[in-house]
Every structure is written in C-alpha cells, then in structure tokens.
Amino acid sequence: MGSAKMETEVIIEKDEESERPIPSIWRPIFSHIMEAFVEKDYSLVAFRVFAQFLRGQKNR
C-alpha cells in the first residue's frame, strides 16, 4: 500500500535575501518543462505555456 503524502501549499513570495521553495501553483508547469527535457524536446513550447500562465496570474 502506498502512503499518501500531504504537501504544504507554498505561496508565491518574493525574497531577495534567501531562496524559497517553488510555489505550489508553479510546480505542474515546471514538471511539464522537465518532462519535455527528458524527452529531448527543447522547442520551448512548455516555456510559452508557462509565460501565458504567468500573465494570467498577474491579471487576477
């Protein structure tokens, strides 16, 4: 039986003094980018999707 892991939600927080974990809302996008790299897909389509996602976040 697999164990379910509860993740604490990490919010977007700017801190120029220290590193922070990747915000929870960005993690699926970074996962897609890494999957593309594993597949040797460097077409930057994932980056364009990420940029569109970020633009949508600013409009909230």
C-alpha atoms as a PDB file:
ATOM      1  CA  MET A   1       0.000   0.000   0.000  1.00  0.00           C
ATOM      2  CA  GLY A   2       1.406   3.442  -0.965  1.00  0.00           C
ATOM      3  CA  SER A   3       1.465   6.213   1.546  1.00  0.00           C
ATOM      4  CA  ALA A   4      -0.280   9.470   0.733  1.00  0.00           C
ATOM      5  CA  LYS A   5       1.932  12.488   1.228  1.00  0.00           C
ATOM      6  CA  MET A   6       0.313  15.755   2.255  1.00  0.00           C
ATOM      7  CA  GLU A   7       2.096  18.768   0.821  1.00  0.00           C
ATOM      8  CA  THR A   8       2.006  22.135   2.444  1.00  0.00           C
ATOM      9  CA  GLU A   9       0.931  24.778  -0.041  1.00  0.00           C
ATOM     10  CA  VAL A  10       3.780  27.131  -0.846  1.00  0.00           C
ATOM     11  CA  ILE A  11       2.663  30.634  -1.790  1.00  0.00           C
ATOM     12  CA  ILE A  12       4.373  32.979  -4.235  1.00  0.00           C
ATOM     13  CA  GLU A  13       6.673  35.127  -2.168  1.00  0.00           C
ATOM     14  CA  LYS A  14       9.445  37.441  -3.338  1.00  0.00           C
ATOM     15  CA  ASP A  15      12.506  37.310  -1.106  1.00  0.00           C
ATOM     16  CA  GLU A  16      15.746  38.678  -2.487  1.00  0.00           C
ATOM     17  CA  GLU A  17      17.679  37.667   0.623  1.00  0.00           C
ATOM     18  CA  SER A  18      17.094  33.913   0.657  1.00  0.00           C
ATOM     19  CA  GLU A  19      15.871  31.069  -1.550  1.00  0.00           C
ATOM     20  CA  ARG A  20      12.335  29.796  -1.137  1.00  0.00           C
ATOM     21  CA  PRO A  21      10.642  26.601  -2.303  1.00  0.00           C
ATOM     22  CA  ILE A  22       8.982  26.667  -5.709  1.00  0.00           C
ATOM     23  CA  PRO A  23       5.402  27.892  -5.240  1.00  0.00           C
ATOM     24  CA  SER A  24       2.818  25.106  -5.384  1.00  0.00           C
ATOM     25  CA  ILE A  25       0.910  26.737  -8.234  1.00  0.00           C
ATOM     26  CA  TRP A  26       4.049  26.718 -10.458  1.00  0.00           C
ATOM     27  CA  ARG A  27       5.048  23.090  -9.813  1.00  0.00           C
ATOM     28  CA  PRO A  28       2.885  21.444 -12.512  1.00  0.00           C
ATOM     29  CA  ILE A  29       4.328  23.785 -15.136  1.00  0.00           C
ATOM     30  CA  PHE A  30       7.915  23.016 -14.075  1.00  0.00           C
ATOM     31  CA  SER A  31       7.059  19.299 -14.160  1.00  0.00           C
ATOM     32  CA  HIS A  32       5.894  19.653 -17.781  1.00  0.00           C
ATOM     33  CA  ILE A  33       9.069  21.518 -18.687  1.00  0.00           C
ATOM     34  CA  MET A  34      11.257  18.829 -17.090  1.00  0.00           C
ATOM     35  CA  GLU A  35       9.283  16.061 -18.825  1.00  0.00           C
ATOM     36  CA  ALA A  36       9.900  17.844 -22.141  1.00  0.00           C
ATOM     37  CA  PHE A  37      13.643  17.994 -21.399  1.00  0.00           C
ATOM     38  CA  VAL A  38      13.685  14.271 -20.576  1.00  0.00           C
ATOM     39  CA  GLU A  39      12.069  13.640 -23.958  1.00  0.00           C
ATOM     40  CA  LYS A  40      14.743  15.905 -25.519  1.00  0.00           C
ATOM     41  CA  ASP A  41      12.017  18.339 -26.587  1.00  0.00           C
ATOM     42  CA  TYR A  42      13.711  21.709 -26.465  1.00  0.00           C
ATOM     43  CA  SER A  43      11.146  23.509 -28.621  1.00  0.00           C
ATOM     44  CA  LEU A  44      10.283  25.877 -25.772  1.00  0.00           C
ATOM     45  CA  VAL A  45       6.560  25.174 -26.143  1.00  0.00           C
ATOM     46  CA  ALA A  46       6.448  24.470 -22.418  1.00  0.00           C
ATOM     47  CA  PHE A  47       8.059  27.845 -21.742  1.00  0.00           C
ATOM     48  CA  ARG A  48       5.428  29.633 -23.822  1.00  0.00           C
ATOM     49  CA  VAL A  49       2.698  27.850 -21.861  1.00  0.00           C
ATOM     50  CA  PHE A  50       4.423  28.909 -18.633  1.00  0.00           C
ATOM     51  CA  ALA A  51       4.612  32.534 -19.811  1.00  0.00           C
ATOM     52  CA  GLN A  52       0.904  32.509 -20.664  1.00  0.00           C
ATOM     53  CA  PHE A  53       0.185  31.061 -17.235  1.00  0.00           C
ATOM     54  CA  LEU A  54       2.209  33.789 -15.522  1.00  0.00           C
ATOM     55  CA  ARG A  55       0.442  36.521 -17.495  1.00  0.00           C
ATOM     56  CA  GLY A  56      -2.873  35.073 -16.332  1.00  0.00           C
ATOM     57  CA  GLN A  57      -1.698  35.178 -12.710  1.00  0.00           C
ATOM     58  CA  LYS A  58      -0.879  38.886 -12.953  1.00  0.00           C
ATOM     59  CA  ASN A  59      -4.407  39.650 -14.156  1.00  0.00           C
ATOM     60  CA  ARG A  60      -6.008  38.221 -11.010  1.00  0.00           C
END
